[in-house]
Amino acid sequence: MSQPLPVEFDPQRLAKAGDEFIARLPLAHFKRLVAELRDSAGEVSATLRFVRAEGGRVRVSGRMRAEFTLRCERCLGDFALEVDEEFDLVVVDSDKATETLPEEMEPLVTDERGHLRAVDLLEDELLLALPIVAKHADEHDCVGNFVYKAQPIAPAPQAPRSNPFAALAGLKKND
C-alpha cells in the first residue's frame, strides 16, 4: 500500500516492512536543482519502493516525473524539459562501503544515523537527469529561429616573406 513520503526516514526499517511511497513535492523544495532552472514553478511526482535484496542489501527503487524550464544555450530562450526517470539504488552506510559494491549497482549513502532525506535523494537523481548542455532538441525550435552558425574564415593573404639568410647565400657564392 502506498503512503505519503516522510521527510526523513530509516531505509532499513522501511525495507523490512516493504514500504512504498508516493510523493508530490514542489520544485521550490529542491534548492540545488532550482539554481539550475529558470524558475521554481511546478512539482516533482515520485514513487519509491524499499525492499531487502540479495545479501541483505536494502534497495530503493522508483520513478520520478517533473517538467522544468531551462535556458537554451543556443538561443538563450526558455524551453521545457520533461523528466521521466527510473532509479534503482543500493543503500550503504559510508563512502567506503560503496567500493565493495559491484559496478552495476548504484550506491545511496545514508547519513551518520543511517537515515535518508527524501528531498536529497530525489534531488540528486533529478540533477543527474539534467542535460550537460541545455538546448532545444531541434535547433528550429530556438527563439526567433536564431542559431549562430560559424562561417569558415578565409585565410588572410600572405605577403612574400624575405629570407634573412639570403645575404649569406650570396656571400657563399662569392667565395
N, C-alpha and C. Protein backbone atom coordinates (compact mmCIF):
# COMPACT_ATOMS: atom_id res chain seq x y z
N MET A 1 0.83 -1.18 0.00
CA MET A 1 0.00 0.00 0.00
C MET A 1 0.88 1.24 0.00
N SER A 2 0.56 2.22 -0.84
CA SER A 2 1.32 3.45 -0.92
C SER A 2 0.88 4.42 0.17
N GLN A 3 1.83 5.21 0.62
CA GLN A 3 1.56 6.20 1.65
C GLN A 3 2.40 7.44 1.39
N PRO A 4 2.11 8.57 2.05
CA PRO A 4 2.89 9.78 1.84
C PRO A 4 4.34 9.59 2.30
N LEU A 5 5.26 10.18 1.59
CA LEU A 5 6.69 10.04 1.86
C LEU A 5 7.09 10.91 3.06
N PRO A 6 7.76 10.32 4.07
CA PRO A 6 8.23 11.13 5.20
C PRO A 6 9.41 11.99 4.77
N VAL A 7 9.66 13.08 5.51
CA VAL A 7 10.76 13.99 5.21
C VAL A 7 12.10 13.27 5.38
N GLU A 8 12.24 12.54 6.49
CA GLU A 8 13.46 11.79 6.78
C GLU A 8 13.04 10.40 7.21
N PHE A 9 13.85 9.39 6.85
CA PHE A 9 13.45 8.02 7.16
C PHE A 9 14.65 7.11 7.30
N ASP A 10 14.40 5.95 7.90
CA ASP A 10 15.39 4.89 8.06
C ASP A 10 15.11 3.84 6.98
N PRO A 11 15.93 3.74 5.95
CA PRO A 11 15.65 2.80 4.85
C PRO A 11 15.66 1.34 5.29
N GLN A 12 16.44 0.99 6.32
CA GLN A 12 16.46 -0.40 6.80
C GLN A 12 15.08 -0.80 7.33
N ARG A 13 14.49 0.07 8.11
CA ARG A 13 13.17 -0.22 8.70
C ARG A 13 12.10 -0.27 7.61
N LEU A 14 12.18 0.64 6.63
CA LEU A 14 11.18 0.66 5.56
C LEU A 14 11.30 -0.58 4.67
N ALA A 15 12.53 -1.05 4.44
CA ALA A 15 12.73 -2.24 3.61
C ALA A 15 12.21 -3.48 4.31
N LYS A 16 12.37 -3.51 5.63
CA LYS A 16 11.87 -4.66 6.39
C LYS A 16 10.36 -4.80 6.22
N ALA A 17 9.67 -3.64 6.16
CA ALA A 17 8.22 -3.64 6.00
C ALA A 17 7.80 -3.68 4.53
N GLY A 18 8.76 -3.50 3.60
CA GLY A 18 8.44 -3.49 2.18
C GLY A 18 7.57 -2.30 1.79
N ASP A 19 7.84 -1.16 2.39
CA ASP A 19 7.02 0.03 2.19
C ASP A 19 7.17 0.63 0.79
N GLU A 20 6.12 1.27 0.35
CA GLU A 20 6.09 2.01 -0.92
C GLU A 20 5.47 3.37 -0.64
N PHE A 21 6.06 4.41 -1.25
CA PHE A 21 5.61 5.77 -1.01
C PHE A 21 5.33 6.50 -2.31
N ILE A 22 4.39 7.41 -2.25
CA ILE A 22 4.10 8.30 -3.37
C ILE A 22 4.29 9.72 -2.86
N ALA A 23 5.00 10.53 -3.62
CA ALA A 23 5.27 11.90 -3.20
C ALA A 23 4.99 12.88 -4.32
N ARG A 24 4.49 14.02 -3.95
CA ARG A 24 4.34 15.16 -4.85
C ARG A 24 4.92 16.35 -4.10
N LEU A 25 6.07 16.80 -4.57
CA LEU A 25 6.79 17.88 -3.88
C LEU A 25 6.97 19.07 -4.80
N PRO A 26 6.77 20.30 -4.30
CA PRO A 26 7.01 21.49 -5.11
C PRO A 26 8.49 21.60 -5.48
N LEU A 27 8.77 22.08 -6.68
CA LEU A 27 10.16 22.27 -7.11
C LEU A 27 10.92 23.18 -6.16
N ALA A 28 10.24 24.11 -5.53
CA ALA A 28 10.89 25.05 -4.63
C ALA A 28 11.61 24.35 -3.47
N HIS A 29 11.24 23.10 -3.15
CA HIS A 29 11.90 22.35 -2.08
C HIS A 29 13.31 21.90 -2.47
N PHE A 30 13.61 21.91 -3.75
CA PHE A 30 14.89 21.39 -4.26
C PHE A 30 15.82 22.56 -4.58
N LYS A 31 16.50 23.09 -3.58
CA LYS A 31 17.30 24.32 -3.71
C LYS A 31 18.43 24.19 -4.74
N ARG A 32 19.17 23.10 -4.72
CA ARG A 32 20.28 22.94 -5.68
C ARG A 32 19.76 22.82 -7.10
N LEU A 33 18.65 22.12 -7.27
CA LEU A 33 18.05 21.95 -8.59
C LEU A 33 17.52 23.27 -9.12
N VAL A 34 16.80 24.01 -8.29
CA VAL A 34 16.20 25.28 -8.70
C VAL A 34 17.27 26.26 -9.16
N ALA A 35 18.47 26.17 -8.59
CA ALA A 35 19.58 27.05 -9.00
C ALA A 35 19.95 26.83 -10.47
N GLU A 36 19.64 25.67 -11.03
CA GLU A 36 19.95 25.35 -12.42
C GLU A 36 18.80 25.66 -13.37
N LEU A 37 17.63 25.99 -12.82
CA LEU A 37 16.43 26.18 -13.63
C LEU A 37 16.11 27.65 -13.81
N ARG A 38 15.20 27.94 -14.75
CA ARG A 38 14.76 29.31 -14.98
C ARG A 38 13.77 29.79 -13.92
N ASP A 39 13.01 28.84 -13.33
CA ASP A 39 12.08 29.20 -12.27
C ASP A 39 11.78 27.97 -11.42
N SER A 40 11.07 28.19 -10.34
CA SER A 40 10.77 27.09 -9.42
C SER A 40 9.30 26.66 -9.50
N ALA A 41 8.63 27.01 -10.58
CA ALA A 41 7.23 26.63 -10.75
C ALA A 41 7.14 25.14 -11.07
N GLY A 42 6.12 24.50 -10.55
CA GLY A 42 5.89 23.10 -10.85
C GLY A 42 6.17 22.21 -9.66
N GLU A 43 6.08 20.91 -9.92
CA GLU A 43 6.28 19.94 -8.86
C GLU A 43 6.93 18.68 -9.40
N VAL A 44 7.41 17.87 -8.48
CA VAL A 44 8.01 16.57 -8.80
C VAL A 44 7.10 15.51 -8.22
N SER A 45 6.74 14.55 -9.03
CA SER A 45 5.98 13.40 -8.51
C SER A 45 6.91 12.20 -8.54
N ALA A 46 6.86 11.41 -7.46
CA ALA A 46 7.78 10.28 -7.35
C ALA A 46 7.12 9.12 -6.62
N THR A 47 7.57 7.94 -6.97
CA THR A 47 7.18 6.72 -6.28
C THR A 47 8.47 6.05 -5.83
N LEU A 48 8.53 5.63 -4.58
CA LEU A 48 9.70 4.95 -4.04
C LEU A 48 9.27 3.64 -3.39
N ARG A 49 10.05 2.58 -3.66
CA ARG A 49 9.82 1.27 -3.05
C ARG A 49 11.09 0.85 -2.31
N PHE A 50 10.90 0.30 -1.14
CA PHE A 50 12.02 -0.16 -0.32
C PHE A 50 11.90 -1.66 -0.16
N VAL A 51 12.97 -2.38 -0.54
CA VAL A 51 12.97 -3.84 -0.43
C VAL A 51 14.34 -4.31 0.07
N ARG A 52 14.34 -5.47 0.67
CA ARG A 52 15.59 -6.11 1.05
C ARG A 52 15.93 -7.08 -0.08
N ALA A 53 17.11 -6.92 -0.66
CA ALA A 53 17.51 -7.72 -1.83
C ALA A 53 18.59 -8.71 -1.43
N GLU A 54 19.26 -9.27 -2.45
CA GLU A 54 20.30 -10.28 -2.25
C GLU A 54 21.37 -9.78 -1.27
N GLY A 55 21.84 -10.69 -0.45
CA GLY A 55 22.87 -10.34 0.51
C GLY A 55 22.37 -9.44 1.63
N GLY A 56 21.07 -9.30 1.78
CA GLY A 56 20.52 -8.45 2.84
C GLY A 56 20.60 -6.96 2.55
N ARG A 57 21.03 -6.62 1.34
CA ARG A 57 21.13 -5.20 0.98
C ARG A 57 19.75 -4.57 0.82
N VAL A 58 19.66 -3.31 1.20
CA VAL A 58 18.42 -2.56 1.04
C VAL A 58 18.48 -1.84 -0.30
N ARG A 59 17.42 -1.99 -1.06
CA ARG A 59 17.33 -1.31 -2.36
C ARG A 59 16.19 -0.32 -2.32
N VAL A 60 16.44 0.84 -2.91
CA VAL A 60 15.41 1.86 -3.08
C VAL A 60 15.24 2.03 -4.58
N SER A 61 14.06 1.71 -5.07
CA SER A 61 13.81 1.88 -6.50
C SER A 61 12.57 2.73 -6.66
N GLY A 62 12.43 3.29 -7.81
CA GLY A 62 11.25 4.12 -8.04
C GLY A 62 11.31 4.85 -9.35
N ARG A 63 10.42 5.81 -9.45
CA ARG A 63 10.29 6.60 -10.66
C ARG A 63 9.93 8.02 -10.27
N MET A 64 10.43 8.98 -11.02
CA MET A 64 10.09 10.38 -10.77
C MET A 64 9.77 11.07 -12.08
N ARG A 65 8.85 12.01 -11.98
CA ARG A 65 8.43 12.78 -13.15
C ARG A 65 8.37 14.25 -12.76
N ALA A 66 8.80 15.08 -13.71
CA ALA A 66 8.75 16.53 -13.50
C ALA A 66 8.90 17.22 -14.84
N GLU A 67 8.56 18.48 -14.86
CA GLU A 67 8.81 19.32 -16.04
C GLU A 67 9.50 20.58 -15.56
N PHE A 68 10.64 20.88 -16.18
CA PHE A 68 11.46 22.03 -15.80
C PHE A 68 11.51 23.03 -16.94
N THR A 69 11.79 24.26 -16.59
CA THR A 69 12.08 25.28 -17.59
C THR A 69 13.57 25.59 -17.51
N LEU A 70 14.26 25.37 -18.62
CA LEU A 70 15.70 25.62 -18.71
C LEU A 70 15.98 26.70 -19.74
N ARG A 71 17.20 27.21 -19.73
CA ARG A 71 17.63 28.19 -20.72
C ARG A 71 18.42 27.47 -21.79
N CYS A 72 18.00 27.66 -23.05
CA CYS A 72 18.69 27.06 -24.18
C CYS A 72 20.03 27.77 -24.38
N GLU A 73 21.09 27.00 -24.46
CA GLU A 73 22.43 27.57 -24.64
C GLU A 73 22.67 28.02 -26.09
N ARG A 74 21.79 27.61 -27.01
CA ARG A 74 21.93 28.04 -28.42
C ARG A 74 21.32 29.41 -28.63
N CYS A 75 20.07 29.58 -28.16
CA CYS A 75 19.34 30.82 -28.47
C CYS A 75 19.08 31.68 -27.24
N LEU A 76 19.40 31.17 -26.06
CA LEU A 76 19.20 31.84 -24.77
C LEU A 76 17.72 32.03 -24.42
N GLY A 77 16.84 31.33 -25.12
CA GLY A 77 15.42 31.35 -24.79
C GLY A 77 15.09 30.20 -23.85
N ASP A 78 13.88 30.22 -23.33
CA ASP A 78 13.43 29.17 -22.42
C ASP A 78 12.89 27.98 -23.19
N PHE A 79 13.02 26.80 -22.60
CA PHE A 79 12.38 25.62 -23.16
C PHE A 79 12.04 24.66 -22.02
N ALA A 80 11.04 23.84 -22.25
CA ALA A 80 10.59 22.88 -21.24
C ALA A 80 11.28 21.54 -21.45
N LEU A 81 11.70 20.96 -20.36
CA LEU A 81 12.31 19.63 -20.37
C LEU A 81 11.46 18.72 -19.50
N GLU A 82 10.96 17.65 -20.08
CA GLU A 82 10.20 16.67 -19.32
C GLU A 82 11.14 15.58 -18.84
N VAL A 83 11.08 15.30 -17.56
CA VAL A 83 11.91 14.26 -16.96
C VAL A 83 10.99 13.13 -16.51
N ASP A 84 11.32 11.93 -16.93
CA ASP A 84 10.60 10.73 -16.52
C ASP A 84 11.68 9.67 -16.34
N GLU A 85 12.18 9.55 -15.13
CA GLU A 85 13.34 8.70 -14.85
C GLU A 85 13.03 7.63 -13.84
N GLU A 86 13.57 6.45 -14.07
CA GLU A 86 13.52 5.38 -13.09
C GLU A 86 14.88 5.27 -12.43
N PHE A 87 14.89 4.82 -11.18
CA PHE A 87 16.16 4.65 -10.48
C PHE A 87 16.09 3.39 -9.63
N ASP A 88 17.26 2.84 -9.36
CA ASP A 88 17.38 1.65 -8.52
C ASP A 88 18.71 1.79 -7.77
N LEU A 89 18.63 2.05 -6.48
CA LEU A 89 19.80 2.36 -5.67
C LEU A 89 19.97 1.34 -4.56
N VAL A 90 21.23 1.12 -4.17
CA VAL A 90 21.55 0.23 -3.06
C VAL A 90 22.02 1.10 -1.89
N VAL A 91 21.38 0.93 -0.74
CA VAL A 91 21.70 1.73 0.44
C VAL A 91 22.98 1.21 1.09
N VAL A 92 23.93 2.15 1.34
CA VAL A 92 25.17 1.84 2.05
C VAL A 92 25.36 2.89 3.14
N ASP A 93 26.17 2.55 4.14
CA ASP A 93 26.31 3.45 5.29
C ASP A 93 27.52 4.36 5.23
N SER A 94 28.38 4.22 4.21
CA SER A 94 29.55 5.09 4.11
C SER A 94 30.08 5.10 2.67
N ASP A 95 30.91 6.10 2.39
CA ASP A 95 31.55 6.15 1.08
C ASP A 95 32.47 4.95 0.89
N LYS A 96 33.09 4.50 1.95
CA LYS A 96 33.98 3.33 1.88
C LYS A 96 33.20 2.09 1.46
N ALA A 97 31.96 1.96 1.92
CA ALA A 97 31.14 0.80 1.58
C ALA A 97 30.76 0.77 0.10
N THR A 98 30.80 1.92 -0.57
CA THR A 98 30.48 1.96 -2.00
C THR A 98 31.51 1.19 -2.82
N GLU A 99 32.73 1.11 -2.30
CA GLU A 99 33.80 0.43 -3.02
C GLU A 99 33.58 -1.08 -3.08
N THR A 100 32.79 -1.63 -2.16
CA THR A 100 32.56 -3.07 -2.13
C THR A 100 31.40 -3.50 -3.02
N LEU A 101 30.65 -2.54 -3.54
CA LEU A 101 29.51 -2.87 -4.40
C LEU A 101 29.97 -3.26 -5.80
N PRO A 102 29.27 -4.18 -6.42
CA PRO A 102 29.56 -4.47 -7.83
C PRO A 102 29.33 -3.20 -8.66
N GLU A 103 30.03 -3.09 -9.75
CA GLU A 103 29.99 -1.88 -10.57
C GLU A 103 28.60 -1.54 -11.09
N GLU A 104 27.77 -2.54 -11.33
CA GLU A 104 26.44 -2.28 -11.89
C GLU A 104 25.45 -1.74 -10.85
N MET A 105 25.83 -1.76 -9.56
CA MET A 105 24.95 -1.25 -8.51
C MET A 105 25.28 0.21 -8.20
N GLU A 106 24.24 1.01 -8.12
CA GLU A 106 24.42 2.44 -7.83
C GLU A 106 24.18 2.67 -6.34
N PRO A 107 25.19 3.23 -5.63
CA PRO A 107 25.05 3.39 -4.19
C PRO A 107 24.23 4.62 -3.78
N LEU A 108 23.65 4.51 -2.60
CA LEU A 108 22.94 5.61 -1.95
C LEU A 108 23.44 5.64 -0.52
N VAL A 109 24.21 6.67 -0.17
CA VAL A 109 24.87 6.74 1.13
C VAL A 109 23.96 7.42 2.14
N THR A 110 23.77 6.78 3.29
CA THR A 110 22.96 7.35 4.37
C THR A 110 23.80 8.31 5.21
N ASP A 111 23.13 9.07 6.08
CA ASP A 111 23.86 9.94 7.00
C ASP A 111 24.44 9.09 8.14
N GLU A 112 25.09 9.73 9.08
CA GLU A 112 25.75 9.01 10.18
C GLU A 112 24.77 8.24 11.07
N ARG A 113 23.50 8.59 11.04
CA ARG A 113 22.49 7.87 11.83
C ARG A 113 21.82 6.75 11.04
N GLY A 114 22.22 6.59 9.76
CA GLY A 114 21.61 5.56 8.91
C GLY A 114 20.30 6.02 8.29
N HIS A 115 20.08 7.33 8.24
CA HIS A 115 18.84 7.89 7.71
C HIS A 115 19.08 8.55 6.35
N LEU A 116 17.99 8.78 5.65
CA LEU A 116 17.99 9.49 4.36
C LEU A 116 16.95 10.59 4.42
N ARG A 117 17.20 11.65 3.68
CA ARG A 117 16.21 12.71 3.50
C ARG A 117 15.61 12.55 2.10
N ALA A 118 14.30 12.55 2.03
CA ALA A 118 13.59 12.33 0.77
C ALA A 118 13.98 13.36 -0.28
N VAL A 119 14.03 14.63 0.11
CA VAL A 119 14.35 15.69 -0.86
C VAL A 119 15.75 15.49 -1.41
N ASP A 120 16.71 15.14 -0.57
CA ASP A 120 18.09 14.94 -1.04
C ASP A 120 18.18 13.78 -2.02
N LEU A 121 17.52 12.69 -1.71
CA LEU A 121 17.53 11.51 -2.58
C LEU A 121 16.97 11.86 -3.95
N LEU A 122 15.81 12.48 -3.99
CA LEU A 122 15.18 12.83 -5.26
C LEU A 122 15.95 13.92 -6.00
N GLU A 123 16.45 14.89 -5.25
CA GLU A 123 17.18 15.99 -5.89
C GLU A 123 18.45 15.50 -6.58
N ASP A 124 19.17 14.59 -5.95
CA ASP A 124 20.37 14.04 -6.58
C ASP A 124 20.03 13.36 -7.90
N GLU A 125 18.96 12.59 -7.91
CA GLU A 125 18.55 11.90 -9.14
C GLU A 125 18.06 12.89 -10.20
N LEU A 126 17.38 13.94 -9.79
CA LEU A 126 16.90 14.95 -10.74
C LEU A 126 18.07 15.72 -11.35
N LEU A 127 19.07 16.04 -10.54
CA LEU A 127 20.25 16.74 -11.07
C LEU A 127 20.98 15.88 -12.10
N LEU A 128 21.02 14.58 -11.86
CA LEU A 128 21.65 13.68 -12.83
C LEU A 128 20.85 13.60 -14.13
N ALA A 129 19.56 13.88 -14.06
CA ALA A 129 18.71 13.81 -15.25
C ALA A 129 18.83 15.05 -16.13
N LEU A 130 19.41 16.13 -15.61
CA LEU A 130 19.56 17.35 -16.42
C LEU A 130 20.60 17.13 -17.51
N PRO A 131 20.39 17.74 -18.67
CA PRO A 131 21.40 17.61 -19.73
C PRO A 131 22.66 18.39 -19.37
N ILE A 132 23.79 17.93 -19.89
CA ILE A 132 25.05 18.64 -19.65
C ILE A 132 24.99 20.02 -20.29
N VAL A 133 24.48 20.07 -21.51
CA VAL A 133 24.26 21.34 -22.20
C VAL A 133 22.77 21.44 -22.50
N ALA A 134 22.13 22.41 -21.88
CA ALA A 134 20.69 22.57 -22.07
C ALA A 134 20.43 23.27 -23.40
N LYS A 135 19.64 22.62 -24.25
CA LYS A 135 19.29 23.23 -25.53
C LYS A 135 18.04 22.56 -26.08
N HIS A 136 17.35 23.30 -26.94
CA HIS A 136 16.18 22.73 -27.59
C HIS A 136 16.60 21.46 -28.33
N ALA A 137 15.72 20.48 -28.36
CA ALA A 137 16.04 19.23 -29.05
C ALA A 137 16.28 19.48 -30.54
N ASP A 138 15.54 20.40 -31.11
CA ASP A 138 15.67 20.75 -32.52
C ASP A 138 16.02 22.23 -32.62
N GLU A 139 17.07 22.55 -33.34
CA GLU A 139 17.50 23.95 -33.43
C GLU A 139 16.45 24.85 -34.05
N HIS A 140 15.49 24.29 -34.79
CA HIS A 140 14.43 25.10 -35.38
C HIS A 140 13.41 25.56 -34.35
N ASP A 141 13.46 24.98 -33.15
CA ASP A 141 12.59 25.41 -32.06
C ASP A 141 13.17 26.59 -31.30
N CYS A 142 14.37 26.97 -31.62
CA CYS A 142 15.01 28.08 -30.90
C CYS A 142 14.24 29.37 -31.11
N VAL A 143 14.27 30.24 -30.10
CA VAL A 143 13.55 31.50 -30.12
C VAL A 143 13.99 32.33 -31.32
N GLY A 144 13.02 32.79 -32.12
CA GLY A 144 13.33 33.60 -33.29
C GLY A 144 14.11 32.84 -34.34
N ASN A 145 14.13 31.50 -34.19
CA ASN A 145 14.88 30.66 -35.12
C ASN A 145 16.33 31.12 -35.23
N PHE A 146 16.83 31.74 -34.17
CA PHE A 146 18.19 32.24 -34.17
C PHE A 146 19.14 31.13 -33.74
N VAL A 147 20.00 30.78 -34.64
CA VAL A 147 21.07 29.85 -34.32
C VAL A 147 22.32 30.39 -34.97
N TYR A 148 23.33 30.63 -34.18
CA TYR A 148 24.58 31.13 -34.71
C TYR A 148 25.32 29.99 -35.38
N LYS A 149 25.61 30.18 -36.63
CA LYS A 149 26.39 29.18 -37.36
C LYS A 149 27.70 29.84 -37.78
N ALA A 150 28.76 29.29 -37.33
CA ALA A 150 30.07 29.85 -37.64
C ALA A 150 30.35 29.71 -39.13
N GLN A 151 30.82 30.78 -39.73
CA GLN A 151 31.20 30.77 -41.13
C GLN A 151 32.70 30.51 -41.21
N PRO A 152 33.12 29.72 -42.16
CA PRO A 152 34.56 29.49 -42.27
C PRO A 152 35.27 30.79 -42.62
N ILE A 153 36.39 30.99 -42.02
CA ILE A 153 37.17 32.20 -42.25
C ILE A 153 38.22 31.88 -43.30
N ALA A 154 38.22 32.71 -44.35
CA ALA A 154 39.21 32.52 -45.41
C ALA A 154 40.57 32.94 -44.86
N PRO A 155 41.61 32.19 -45.20
CA PRO A 155 42.92 32.57 -44.70
C PRO A 155 43.34 33.91 -45.29
N ALA A 156 43.99 34.72 -44.48
CA ALA A 156 44.46 36.03 -44.92
C ALA A 156 45.58 35.84 -45.94
N PRO A 157 45.57 36.68 -46.99
CA PRO A 157 46.65 36.56 -47.97
C PRO A 157 47.99 36.84 -47.30
N GLN A 158 48.97 36.05 -47.67
CA GLN A 158 50.29 36.20 -47.05
C GLN A 158 51.21 36.94 -48.00
N ALA A 159 51.83 37.97 -47.47
CA ALA A 159 52.82 38.72 -48.24
C ALA A 159 54.08 37.87 -48.35
N PRO A 160 54.77 37.97 -49.47
CA PRO A 160 56.00 37.19 -49.58
C PRO A 160 56.97 37.57 -48.46
N ARG A 161 57.55 36.58 -47.88
CA ARG A 161 58.47 36.83 -46.77
C ARG A 161 59.90 36.83 -47.28
N SER A 162 60.65 37.74 -46.73
CA SER A 162 62.07 37.76 -47.13
C SER A 162 62.83 36.79 -46.24
N ASN A 163 63.84 36.16 -46.84
CA ASN A 163 64.65 35.19 -46.12
C ASN A 163 65.85 35.93 -45.53
N PRO A 164 65.99 35.96 -44.22
CA PRO A 164 67.10 36.70 -43.62
C PRO A 164 68.47 36.09 -43.95
N PHE A 165 68.51 34.86 -44.40
CA PHE A 165 69.77 34.22 -44.71
C PHE A 165 70.14 34.33 -46.20
N ALA A 166 69.32 35.03 -46.97
CA ALA A 166 69.60 35.18 -48.39
C ALA A 166 70.93 35.90 -48.62
N ALA A 167 71.24 36.87 -47.79
CA ALA A 167 72.51 37.60 -47.92
C ALA A 167 73.69 36.67 -47.69
N LEU A 168 73.58 35.73 -46.77
CA LEU A 168 74.65 34.77 -46.50
C LEU A 168 74.88 33.86 -47.71
N ALA A 169 73.77 33.48 -48.37
CA ALA A 169 73.90 32.63 -49.55
C ALA A 169 74.69 33.36 -50.62
N GLY A 170 74.45 34.67 -50.75
CA GLY A 170 75.18 35.46 -51.73
C GLY A 170 76.65 35.53 -51.40
N LEU A 171 77.01 35.65 -50.15
CA LEU A 171 78.42 35.72 -49.73
C LEU A 171 79.12 34.40 -50.02
N LYS A 172 78.41 33.31 -49.84
CA LYS A 172 78.98 31.99 -50.04
C LYS A 172 79.32 31.76 -51.51
N LYS A 173 78.48 32.30 -52.41
CA LYS A 173 78.73 32.16 -53.83
C LYS A 173 79.93 33.00 -54.28
N ASN A 174 80.18 34.10 -53.59
CA ASN A 174 81.29 34.99 -53.95
C ASN A 174 82.64 34.37 -53.59
N ASP A 175 82.67 33.41 -52.73
CA ASP A 175 83.96 32.80 -52.33
C ASP A 175 84.55 31.94 -53.38
